[in-house]
Protein backbone atom coordinates (compact mmCIF):
# COMPACT_ATOMS: atom_id res chain seq x y z
CA UNK A 1 0.29 0.31 -0.24
CA UNK A 2 1.19 3.23 -0.99
CA UNK A 3 2.42 5.19 2.33
CA UNK A 4 2.03 8.72 1.38
CA UNK A 5 -2.28 7.48 1.06
CA UNK A 6 -4.74 6.88 3.91
CA UNK A 7 -7.24 4.41 4.73
CA UNK A 8 -10.42 4.75 4.78
CA UNK A 9 -13.10 1.79 6.36
CA UNK A 10 -16.07 1.73 5.03
CA UNK A 11 -18.96 -0.34 6.94
CA UNK A 12 -22.53 -1.16 5.80
CA UNK A 13 -25.03 -2.58 7.45
CA UNK A 14 -27.51 -4.63 5.00
CA UNK A 15 -30.38 -4.55 6.78
CA UNK A 16 -30.62 -0.85 7.81
CA UNK A 17 -31.15 2.06 5.90
CA UNK A 18 -33.20 3.22 2.56
CA UNK A 19 -30.73 3.69 -0.06
CA UNK A 20 -29.76 0.88 -2.61
CA UNK A 21 -25.99 -0.19 -0.97
CA UNK A 22 -25.14 -1.35 -4.57
CA UNK A 23 -25.64 1.84 -5.82
CA UNK A 24 -23.60 3.87 -3.48
CA UNK A 25 -20.55 1.22 -3.64
CA UNK A 26 -20.36 1.90 -7.25
CA UNK A 27 -20.45 5.52 -6.61
CA UNK A 28 -17.39 4.84 -4.21
CA UNK A 29 -15.50 3.45 -6.96
CA UNK A 30 -15.99 6.09 -9.58
CA UNK A 31 -15.75 8.90 -6.86
CA UNK A 32 -13.87 9.24 -4.14
CA UNK A 33 -10.21 10.70 -4.56
CA UNK A 34 -7.83 7.28 -5.39
CA UNK A 35 -4.77 9.53 -5.43
CA UNK A 36 -5.15 10.79 -2.09
CA UNK A 37 -6.98 6.97 -0.24
CA UNK A 38 -7.14 3.27 0.34
CA UNK A 39 -10.51 2.18 0.67
CA UNK A 40 -12.06 -1.13 2.20
CA UNK A 41 -15.54 -1.97 2.28
CA UNK A 42 -16.93 -4.22 5.10
CA UNK A 43 -20.27 -5.55 5.68
CA UNK A 44 -21.68 -5.94 9.05
CA UNK A 45 -23.13 -9.39 9.70
CA UNK A 46 -25.17 -9.13 13.41
CA UNK A 47 -26.39 -6.40 16.10
CA UNK A 48 -23.35 -4.68 17.45
CA UNK A 49 -20.90 -5.90 14.55
CA UNK A 50 -20.23 -2.56 13.80
CA UNK A 51 -18.99 -1.26 16.99
CA UNK A 52 -16.44 -4.24 16.99
CA UNK A 53 -14.94 -3.23 13.55
CA UNK A 54 -14.71 0.16 14.03
CA UNK A 55 -12.55 -0.56 17.54
CA UNK A 56 -10.48 -2.71 15.78
CA UNK A 57 -10.26 0.50 12.99
CA UNK A 58 -9.12 2.28 15.85
CA UNK A 59 -6.85 0.45 16.77
CA UNK A 60 -5.19 0.20 13.40
CA UNK A 61 -5.38 3.80 13.42
CA UNK A 62 -7.06 4.26 9.69
CA UNK A 63 -7.37 7.92 8.54
CA UNK A 64 -11.47 6.70 9.35
CA UNK A 65 -14.43 5.21 9.19
CA UNK A 66 -16.73 5.76 7.08
CA UNK A 67 -20.88 4.79 8.50
CA UNK A 68 -23.11 3.79 5.27
CA UNK A 69 -26.50 3.24 7.07
CA UNK A 70 -28.60 4.92 9.53
CA UNK A 71 -28.43 6.74 12.59
CA UNK A 72 -28.12 3.14 14.78
CA UNK A 73 -25.07 2.44 12.22
CA UNK A 74 -23.55 5.42 12.77
CA UNK A 75 -24.21 5.16 16.64
CA UNK A 76 -22.36 2.08 17.19
CA UNK A 77 -19.31 3.20 14.64
CA UNK A 78 -19.36 6.49 16.15
CA UNK A 79 -19.18 5.17 19.80
CA UNK A 80 -15.53 3.33 18.87
CA UNK A 81 -13.73 6.03 17.62
CA UNK A 82 -14.59 8.38 20.71
CA UNK A 83 -11.06 9.52 21.89
CA UNK A 84 -9.46 8.17 19.01
CA UNK A 85 -7.00 9.31 15.94
CA UNK A 86 -10.16 7.75 13.87
CA UNK A 87 -12.34 10.25 12.74
CA UNK A 88 -16.08 9.45 11.61
CA UNK A 89 -17.42 10.03 7.90
CA UNK A 90 -20.84 9.12 7.01
CA UNK A 91 -22.52 8.12 3.79
CA UNK A 92 -26.64 8.72 5.33
CA UNK A 93 -29.02 6.61 3.68
CA UNK A 94 -30.59 5.67 6.82
CA UNK A 95 -34.98 6.93 7.68
CA UNK A 96 -33.43 10.02 10.12
CA UNK A 97 -30.42 11.15 9.75
CA UNK A 98 -30.31 13.07 12.57
CA UNK A 99 -26.40 13.49 13.01
CA UNK A 100 -25.51 13.87 8.74
CA UNK A 101 -28.43 16.73 8.90
CA UNK A 102 -26.97 19.24 11.74
CA UNK A 103 -23.57 18.67 10.12
CA UNK A 104 -24.74 19.18 7.12
CA UNK A 105 -23.99 16.30 4.72
CA UNK A 106 -26.02 15.64 1.56
CA UNK A 107 -28.24 13.23 1.98
CA UNK A 108 -27.08 12.39 -1.82
CA UNK A 109 -24.57 9.59 -2.12
CA UNK A 110 -22.55 11.72 -4.70
CA UNK A 111 -22.16 15.11 -2.70
CA UNK A 112 -21.49 12.74 0.43
CA UNK A 113 -18.71 11.19 -1.08
CA UNK A 114 -17.00 14.38 -2.08
CA UNK A 115 -17.11 15.80 1.44
CA UNK A 116 -15.34 12.62 2.39
CA UNK A 117 -12.90 13.53 -0.38
CA UNK A 118 -12.30 17.28 0.91
CA UNK A 119 -11.35 15.51 4.35
CA UNK A 120 -12.24 18.46 6.75
CA UNK A 121 -12.11 17.25 10.03
CA UNK A 122 -13.65 18.77 12.83
CA UNK A 123 -13.75 17.93 16.65
CA UNK A 124 -17.43 17.44 18.00
CA UNK A 125 -18.87 16.61 21.69
CA UNK A 126 -20.98 13.65 22.46
CA UNK A 127 -23.08 12.68 25.27
CA UNK A 128 -23.54 9.60 27.33
CA UNK A 129 -27.18 7.94 29.57
CA UNK A 130 -26.21 5.93 31.83
CA UNK A 131 -22.88 5.65 30.14
CA UNK A 132 -24.77 4.79 26.50
CA UNK A 133 -22.60 7.15 24.50
CA UNK A 134 -25.11 8.96 21.84
CA UNK A 135 -24.42 11.91 19.36
CA UNK A 136 -27.74 13.47 19.03
CA UNK A 137 -31.08 13.20 21.18
CA UNK A 138 -31.75 10.69 23.42
CA UNK A 139 -34.57 11.32 26.34
CA UNK A 140 -38.05 9.89 27.64
CA UNK A 141 -41.45 10.22 26.00
CA UNK A 142 -39.81 9.63 22.27
CA UNK A 143 -42.32 7.67 20.82
CA UNK A 144 -45.59 9.50 21.23
CA UNK A 145 -43.82 12.56 19.81
CA UNK A 146 -41.41 10.99 16.96
CA UNK A 147 -44.90 9.61 15.68
CA UNK A 148 -46.86 13.55 16.11
CA UNK A 149 -49.21 11.65 18.03
CA UNK A 150 -49.52 13.75 20.48
CA UNK A 151 -52.74 13.72 21.21
CA UNK A 152 -52.77 9.28 21.63
CA UNK A 153 -49.72 9.99 23.64
CA UNK A 154 -51.50 9.08 26.88
CA UNK A 155 -50.90 10.49 30.68
CA UNK A 156 -47.89 13.09 31.36
CA UNK A 157 -45.57 11.59 33.85
CA UNK A 158 -43.95 14.05 37.23
CA UNK A 159 -40.13 14.26 36.64
CA UNK A 160 -37.55 15.31 38.92
CA UNK A 161 -34.95 16.84 36.83
CA UNK A 162 -31.56 17.72 38.74
CA UNK A 163 -28.87 19.52 37.34
CA UNK A 164 -25.36 21.52 38.19
CA UNK A 165 -27.40 24.40 38.87
CA UNK A 166 -30.33 22.53 40.96
CA UNK A 167 -33.41 20.55 41.32
CA UNK A 168 -36.70 20.67 39.95
CA UNK A 169 -40.18 18.68 39.11
CA UNK A 170 -41.24 18.89 35.90
CA UNK A 171 -44.81 16.98 35.04
CA UNK A 172 -44.21 16.12 31.11
CA UNK A 173 -44.94 13.88 28.21
CA UNK A 174 -41.54 14.26 26.90
CA UNK A 175 -38.30 15.63 27.87
CA UNK A 176 -35.42 15.50 25.04
CA UNK A 177 -31.67 15.82 25.77
CA UNK A 178 -30.33 17.59 22.31
CA UNK A 179 -26.54 17.29 22.13
CA UNK A 180 -27.43 17.93 18.10
CA UNK A 181 -30.58 20.12 17.12
CA UNK A 182 -33.06 17.32 15.50
CA UNK A 183 -33.83 13.52 16.30
CA UNK A 184 -33.78 14.16 11.82
CA UNK A 185 -35.72 14.41 8.73
CA UNK A 186 -35.62 18.17 9.54
CA UNK A 187 -37.86 17.30 13.31
CA UNK A 188 -35.59 19.99 15.41
CA UNK A 189 -36.47 19.36 18.69
CA UNK A 190 -33.22 21.32 20.06
CA UNK A 191 -32.52 24.16 17.32
CA UNK A 192 -30.54 25.73 19.18
CA UNK A 193 -28.17 23.29 20.12
CA UNK A 194 -25.01 23.32 19.09
CA UNK A 195 -22.20 20.27 18.99
CA UNK A 196 -18.85 21.77 19.78
CA UNK A 197 -20.51 23.56 22.98
CA UNK A 198 -20.01 21.55 25.83
CA UNK A 199 -23.75 21.55 26.76
CA UNK A 200 -27.09 19.65 26.94
CA UNK A 201 -30.07 21.45 25.31
CA UNK A 202 -32.87 20.36 27.60
CA UNK A 203 -36.19 20.46 26.04
CA UNK A 204 -39.81 19.80 28.27
CA UNK A 205 -42.65 19.55 26.70
CA UNK A 206 -45.49 19.90 29.72
CA UNK A 207 -49.13 19.04 29.38
CA UNK A 208 -51.15 20.12 26.30
CA UNK A 209 -54.47 20.11 24.34
CA UNK A 210 -55.41 19.10 21.37
CA UNK A 211 -55.97 22.68 19.87
CA UNK A 212 -52.13 23.09 20.61
CA UNK A 213 -51.40 20.00 18.18
CA UNK A 214 -50.71 21.85 15.22
CA UNK A 215 -48.75 24.88 16.26
CA UNK A 216 -46.70 22.50 18.17
CA UNK A 217 -46.21 19.96 14.39
CA UNK A 218 -44.90 23.20 12.81
CA UNK A 219 -42.85 24.66 15.24
CA UNK A 220 -41.22 21.20 15.06
CA UNK A 221 -39.77 21.78 11.55
CA UNK A 222 -39.55 25.19 11.45
CA UNK A 223 -37.05 25.65 14.45
CA UNK A 224 -38.93 27.42 16.62
CA UNK A 225 -40.37 24.53 19.08
CA UNK A 226 -38.29 26.13 21.72
CA UNK A 227 -40.79 29.25 21.76
CA UNK A 228 -44.00 27.29 22.08
CA UNK A 229 -46.00 28.18 25.37
CA UNK A 230 -45.64 24.20 26.11
CA UNK A 231 -42.77 23.82 25.86
CA UNK A 232 -39.51 24.98 28.91
CA UNK A 233 -36.09 24.55 27.67
CA UNK A 234 -32.50 25.34 29.41
CA UNK A 235 -28.84 24.27 28.99
CA UNK A 236 -26.74 22.01 31.44
CA UNK A 237 -23.58 19.76 31.36
CA UNK A 238 -25.37 17.05 33.75
CA UNK A 239 -29.04 16.18 33.95
CA UNK A 240 -30.29 13.00 36.62
CA UNK A 241 -33.74 12.40 35.27
CA UNK A 242 -35.81 10.40 38.53
CA UNK A 243 -39.23 8.80 37.71
CA UNK A 244 -41.42 6.70 39.24
CA UNK A 245 -40.61 3.56 37.98
CA UNK A 246 -38.26 1.62 34.95
CA UNK A 247 -39.33 2.35 31.73
CA UNK A 248 -37.86 2.24 28.23
CA UNK A 249 -35.64 5.60 26.79
CA UNK A 250 -34.29 6.39 23.06
CA UNK A 251 -31.08 7.69 22.29
CA UNK A 252 -30.39 8.77 18.43
CA UNK A 253 -33.66 6.59 17.94
CA UNK A 254 -33.12 3.66 19.97
CA UNK A 255 -34.69 2.03 22.73
CA UNK A 256 -33.41 0.35 25.54
CA UNK A 257 -35.14 -0.40 29.49
CA UNK A 258 -33.47 1.64 31.65
CA UNK A 259 -34.30 2.19 35.57
CA UNK A 260 -36.05 5.34 37.56
CA UNK A 261 -32.70 7.25 37.32
CA UNK A 262 -31.15 8.21 34.33
CA UNK A 263 -28.43 9.50 34.35
CA UNK A 264 -27.34 12.34 31.19
CA UNK A 265 -24.09 13.79 30.61
CA UNK A 266 -21.76 16.05 27.80
CA UNK A 267 -18.13 15.27 27.14
CA UNK A 268 -16.77 18.42 25.81
CA UNK A 269 -14.69 17.55 22.12
CA UNK A 270 -15.14 13.73 21.88
CA UNK A 271 -15.28 12.74 18.39
CA UNK A 272 -13.22 13.86 15.12
CA UNK A 273 -15.72 14.32 12.15
CA UNK A 274 -15.32 14.73 8.53
CA UNK A 275 -17.71 17.88 7.48
CA UNK A 276 -18.59 20.15 5.05
CA UNK A 277 -16.13 22.99 4.03
CA UNK A 278 -19.00 25.03 3.51
CA UNK A 279 -22.28 24.72 5.30
CA UNK A 280 -25.04 25.01 2.62
CA UNK A 281 -27.93 26.57 3.00
CA UNK A 282 -31.20 25.19 4.22
CA UNK A 283 -32.94 26.10 0.80
CA UNK A 284 -36.02 23.53 1.57
CA UNK A 285 -39.49 25.40 2.98
CA UNK A 286 -41.39 24.17 6.28
CA UNK A 287 -43.57 22.03 4.21
CA UNK A 288 -41.20 19.76 2.18
CA UNK A 289 -39.66 19.32 5.33
CA UNK A 290 -42.93 18.23 7.03
CA UNK A 291 -43.47 15.69 3.89
CA UNK A 292 -39.90 14.38 4.58
CA UNK A 293 -40.29 13.71 8.07
CA UNK A 294 -44.05 11.99 7.22
CA UNK A 295 -42.24 9.73 4.76
CA UNK A 296 -39.60 8.41 7.22
CA UNK A 297 -42.50 7.92 9.74
CA UNK A 298 -43.17 4.58 9.14
CA UNK A 299 -40.26 2.55 8.70
CA UNK A 300 -39.15 4.57 12.63
CA UNK A 301 -42.56 3.67 14.13
CA UNK A 302 -41.64 0.15 12.90
CA UNK A 303 -38.60 -0.25 14.04
CA UNK A 304 -39.62 1.61 17.55
CA UNK A 305 -43.02 -1.07 17.70
CA UNK A 306 -40.21 -4.20 16.39
CA UNK A 307 -37.67 -3.07 19.50
CA UNK A 308 -40.31 -1.94 22.36
CA UNK A 309 -42.02 -5.70 21.63
CA UNK A 310 -38.22 -7.30 22.12
CA UNK A 311 -37.56 -4.89 25.18
CA UNK A 312 -41.13 -6.08 26.92
CA UNK A 313 -40.08 -9.62 26.00
CA UNK A 314 -37.06 -9.88 27.57
CA UNK A 315 -38.63 -8.03 30.77
CA UNK A 316 -41.15 -10.44 31.14
CA UNK A 317 -38.82 -13.08 31.01
CA UNK A 318 -36.63 -11.81 33.66
CA UNK A 319 -39.92 -11.47 36.01
CA UNK A 320 -40.87 -14.85 35.10
CA UNK A 321 -37.26 -15.89 36.33
CA UNK A 322 -37.26 -13.80 39.26
CA UNK A 323 -40.74 -15.09 40.28
CA UNK A 324 -39.75 -18.97 39.74
CA UNK A 325 -36.61 -18.53 42.16
């Protein structure tokens, strides 16, 4: 191998995402700058495999590991690259693409490859929820909000929130902690969030009525949800969420069962990321962004329902085992 060329590993999850992976591979062969880079393509074979592959590549000090997949694949790869010299690259082809959209990485594979060719690297923050890394958002009450089924959100829960500045209680449908600004699909749950400020942007959705739904839906895509009267926001470095019983939390779109206490924190300047040289202006209008979001809802909701069912089934099995002891 030419020692002057940098090695890039492309990791593909063949079971995730919405775009044709074969087309992306053809574009890689055609468009990747072969004078600068040596490439290898690796397919994941099971859940969590991307974590292992990326960790090995970081040990080998490859220049970058590029995720070709959705938010779940990006999360798995990125968690193995934190505090290493290996950068994360993204060719987005998921249903949400939250981190890619915040970084203004193009949804078009050809343009995403051009960004990799330019090779501009920045260092961003990341978060941890009960020591599990996340890079966009995490929190509780995700399901009802992401599906825009506000009217079917059920009853609000009472949460005790403890930060470095003190403790407050809220009755809320949702608490979201944003390292990045959006869930994905241009749905901005924390529109003021920055990836380089060392802070979490916390969004609290308090009790609301059906009459509030249209304005909340509109503001979600117009980057103004924080201006809604039913929304409370603040910034912090650490947050403990205390609830009355265990339940599901979400991080970067994936669900996980956790207990009554949920500890969230931000780690400053922990991940190197390949970014565009110049951020593009957001030329799409609110209605188009909303349509993009709605187009991705079915897949997101199906994934959430499936994963939540798996979590609940495992919980029932554990309860049965405990009752037999």
